[in-house]
Protein backbone atom coordinates (compact mmCIF):
# COMPACT_ATOMS: atom_id res chain seq x y z
CA UNK A 1 -56.93 13.82 14.85
CA UNK A 2 -53.86 11.60 15.12
CA UNK A 3 -52.03 11.44 18.42
CA UNK A 4 -48.25 11.15 18.08
CA UNK A 5 -46.49 9.64 21.09
CA UNK A 6 -42.75 9.28 21.54
CA UNK A 7 -41.67 6.38 23.74
CA UNK A 8 -38.28 7.32 25.11
CA UNK A 9 -35.70 6.82 27.86
CA UNK A 10 -32.45 8.32 29.00
CA UNK A 11 -30.60 5.02 29.08
CA UNK A 12 -30.77 1.71 27.30
CA UNK A 13 -32.21 -1.44 28.80
CA UNK A 14 -35.29 0.08 30.40
CA UNK A 15 -37.81 -1.87 28.30
CA UNK A 16 -38.70 1.04 26.02
CA UNK A 17 -39.13 -1.01 22.85
CA UNK A 18 -41.33 -3.66 24.46
CA UNK A 19 -43.47 -0.92 26.01
CA UNK A 20 -43.88 0.70 22.58
CA UNK A 21 -44.84 -2.63 20.98
CA UNK A 22 -47.32 -3.45 23.76
CA UNK A 23 -48.90 0.02 23.72
CA UNK A 24 -49.31 -0.07 19.94
CA UNK A 25 -50.78 -3.59 20.10
CA UNK A 26 -53.27 -2.63 22.83
CA UNK A 27 -54.39 0.43 20.89
CA UNK A 28 -54.83 -1.68 17.73
CA UNK A 29 -56.82 -4.31 19.64
CA UNK A 30 -59.12 -1.57 20.95
CA UNK A 31 -60.02 -0.56 17.38
CA UNK A 32 -57.58 2.27 16.67
CA UNK A 33 -55.51 2.32 13.50
CA UNK A 34 -51.91 2.46 14.74
CA UNK A 35 -48.52 3.05 13.16
CA UNK A 36 -45.43 2.03 15.10
CA UNK A 37 -42.29 3.80 13.88
CA UNK A 38 -38.92 2.34 14.88
CA UNK A 39 -36.35 5.13 15.01
CA UNK A 40 -33.54 3.05 16.54
CA UNK A 41 -31.40 3.22 13.43
CA UNK A 42 -28.72 0.53 13.52
CA UNK A 43 -30.41 -1.21 16.45
CA UNK A 44 -33.89 -1.84 15.15
CA UNK A 45 -35.76 -4.53 17.04
CA UNK A 46 -39.47 -3.88 16.66
CA UNK A 47 -39.61 -6.01 13.53
CA UNK A 48 -38.30 -8.95 15.59
CA UNK A 49 -40.70 -8.25 18.47
CA UNK A 50 -43.62 -8.35 16.04
CA UNK A 51 -42.29 -11.36 14.09
CA UNK A 52 -41.99 -9.27 10.92
CA UNK A 53 -38.22 -9.37 10.43
CA UNK A 54 -38.50 -11.34 7.16
CA UNK A 55 -40.95 -8.83 5.68
CA UNK A 56 -38.77 -5.71 5.86
CA UNK A 57 -37.77 -4.63 2.37
CA UNK A 58 -37.87 -0.85 2.75
CA UNK A 59 -37.39 1.33 5.83
CA UNK A 60 -37.97 4.91 6.95
CA UNK A 61 -34.68 6.08 5.40
CA UNK A 62 -35.81 4.71 2.02
CA UNK A 63 -39.02 6.74 2.32
CA UNK A 64 -37.25 9.97 3.33
CA UNK A 65 -34.60 9.52 0.62
CA UNK A 66 -37.28 8.95 -2.06
CA UNK A 67 -36.27 5.34 -2.81
CA UNK A 68 -39.81 4.09 -2.20
CA UNK A 69 -43.27 5.32 -1.33
CA UNK A 70 -44.60 5.30 2.21
CA UNK A 71 -47.08 2.59 1.22
CA UNK A 72 -44.27 0.22 0.16
CA UNK A 73 -42.42 0.68 3.46
CA UNK A 74 -45.43 0.06 5.73
CA UNK A 75 -45.75 -3.51 7.02
CA UNK A 76 -49.09 -4.70 8.40
CA UNK A 77 -48.92 -6.85 11.50
CA UNK A 78 -50.18 -10.42 11.03
CA UNK A 79 -52.14 -10.58 14.27
CA UNK A 80 -53.64 -7.11 14.46
CA UNK A 81 -54.94 -5.81 11.13
CA UNK A 82 -54.99 -2.22 12.46
CA UNK A 83 -51.28 -2.22 13.41
CA UNK A 84 -48.56 -1.18 10.97
CA UNK A 85 -44.78 -0.89 11.26
CA UNK A 86 -42.42 1.57 9.62
CA UNK A 87 -39.01 0.08 10.34
CA UNK A 88 -35.75 1.81 11.11
CA UNK A 89 -32.72 1.26 8.93
CA UNK A 90 -30.18 -1.35 10.00
CA UNK A 91 -27.46 0.94 8.64
CA UNK A 92 -27.14 4.14 10.72
CA UNK A 93 -25.25 6.01 7.99
CA UNK A 94 -28.17 5.44 5.60
CA UNK A 95 -30.63 7.21 7.87
CA UNK A 96 -29.92 10.90 7.40
CA UNK A 97 -33.32 11.93 8.73
CA UNK A 98 -33.86 15.43 10.10
CA UNK A 99 -36.61 16.78 12.39
CA UNK A 100 -38.33 18.48 9.42
CA UNK A 101 -38.48 15.10 7.62
CA UNK A 102 -40.14 13.46 10.63
CA UNK A 103 -42.64 16.26 11.06
CA UNK A 104 -43.66 16.17 7.40
CA UNK A 105 -43.81 12.36 7.35
CA UNK A 106 -45.94 12.17 10.50
CA UNK A 107 -48.21 14.94 9.25
CA UNK A 108 -48.87 12.93 6.11
CA UNK A 109 -49.26 9.62 7.97
CA UNK A 110 -51.49 11.27 10.58
CA UNK A 111 -54.20 11.50 7.92
CA UNK A 112 -54.40 7.68 7.83
CA UNK A 113 -53.77 6.69 11.46
CA UNK A 114 -55.39 7.38 14.84
CA UNK A 115 -52.10 6.90 16.70
CA UNK A 116 -48.45 7.06 15.73
CA UNK A 117 -46.13 5.53 18.31
CA UNK A 118 -42.44 6.41 17.86
CA UNK A 119 -39.82 4.19 19.51
CA UNK A 120 -36.94 6.62 19.95
CA UNK A 121 -33.28 5.86 20.51
CA UNK A 122 -32.26 6.28 24.16
CA UNK A 123 -30.41 9.37 25.27
CA UNK A 124 -30.77 12.94 24.03
CA UNK A 125 -28.58 13.05 20.90
CA UNK A 126 -29.42 14.27 17.40
CA UNK A 127 -31.26 11.07 16.39
CA UNK A 128 -33.35 11.37 19.54
CA UNK A 129 -34.21 15.01 18.76
CA UNK A 130 -35.29 13.97 15.28
CA UNK A 131 -37.45 11.17 16.70
CA UNK A 132 -39.35 13.36 19.17
CA UNK A 133 -39.79 16.32 16.79
CA UNK A 134 -43.35 15.45 15.63
CA UNK A 135 -44.60 14.18 19.01
CA UNK A 136 -47.37 15.84 20.97
CA UNK A 137 -46.99 13.43 23.89
CA UNK A 138 -44.06 11.49 25.37
CA UNK A 139 -43.77 8.53 27.69
CA UNK A 140 -40.44 8.17 29.47
CA UNK A 141 -39.60 4.59 30.42
CA UNK A 142 -37.38 4.27 33.47
CA UNK A 143 -36.26 1.72 36.02
CA UNK A 144 -35.62 2.04 39.76
CA UNK A 145 -31.90 2.60 39.29
CA UNK A 146 -30.48 5.98 40.29
CA UNK A 147 -28.87 6.38 36.86
CA UNK A 148 -32.23 5.88 35.18
CA UNK A 149 -33.88 8.40 37.49
CA UNK A 150 -31.26 11.05 36.76
CA UNK A 151 -31.44 10.37 33.01
CA UNK A 152 -35.24 10.61 33.15
CA UNK A 153 -34.92 14.08 34.63
CA UNK A 154 -32.61 15.12 31.77
CA UNK A 155 -34.92 13.64 29.14
CA UNK A 156 -37.93 15.36 30.71
CA UNK A 157 -36.19 18.74 30.57
CA UNK A 158 -35.21 18.18 26.92
CA UNK A 159 -38.77 17.17 26.00
CA UNK A 160 -40.14 20.29 27.68
CA UNK A 161 -37.63 22.51 25.88
CA UNK A 162 -38.66 20.79 22.63
CA UNK A 163 -42.21 22.01 23.21
CA UNK A 164 -43.71 18.73 24.41
CA UNK A 165 -45.87 19.49 27.44
CA UNK A 166 -47.72 16.19 27.81
CA UNK A 167 -45.16 13.90 29.43
CA UNK A 168 -45.76 10.68 31.36
CA UNK A 169 -43.34 8.33 33.07
CA UNK A 170 -43.50 4.58 33.49
CA UNK A 171 -41.36 2.82 36.07
CA UNK A 172 -40.54 -0.56 34.57
CA UNK A 173 -39.11 -3.64 36.29
CA UNK A 174 -40.31 -2.55 39.71
CA UNK A 175 -38.85 -4.53 42.60
CA UNK A 176 -41.11 -4.58 45.66
CA UNK A 177 -38.10 -4.75 48.00
CA UNK A 178 -36.93 -1.26 46.94
């Protein structure tokens, strides 16, 4: 059974995207077949982190809007043959994706993958709600800043009210002097 994990944060700049990329890479290196979905529409960066920016032809919005098949939008990582990327759209207006779309898409993709890692936008807006809709687990990335701590509390409450009960937190950029 496929495990769907949302990597999220209340504020930007916590290291959420790099955590998602590293988690997906580690899972792929351990033998799992992994799909990394970038849901940061307008601010996609996972393709750059993986060195796949020149290979993106289709994105998740193209799949949802019926412009291409899922297979055409999936990009296999060069280094880890078990790691695939489904990129976000660079144009936010193009990505009119709803929670039902994400659930159906992940249900279908879950038949082919052991893990689906979703890099969500930060915050708790509509795009965030869409991103976490199919998740059965969430990892909240935070820093030692008070703002990040407060935002993590808000995100945790929203995840719980969305029905996600398996929630972990990672404190990133820890400073020993704090």
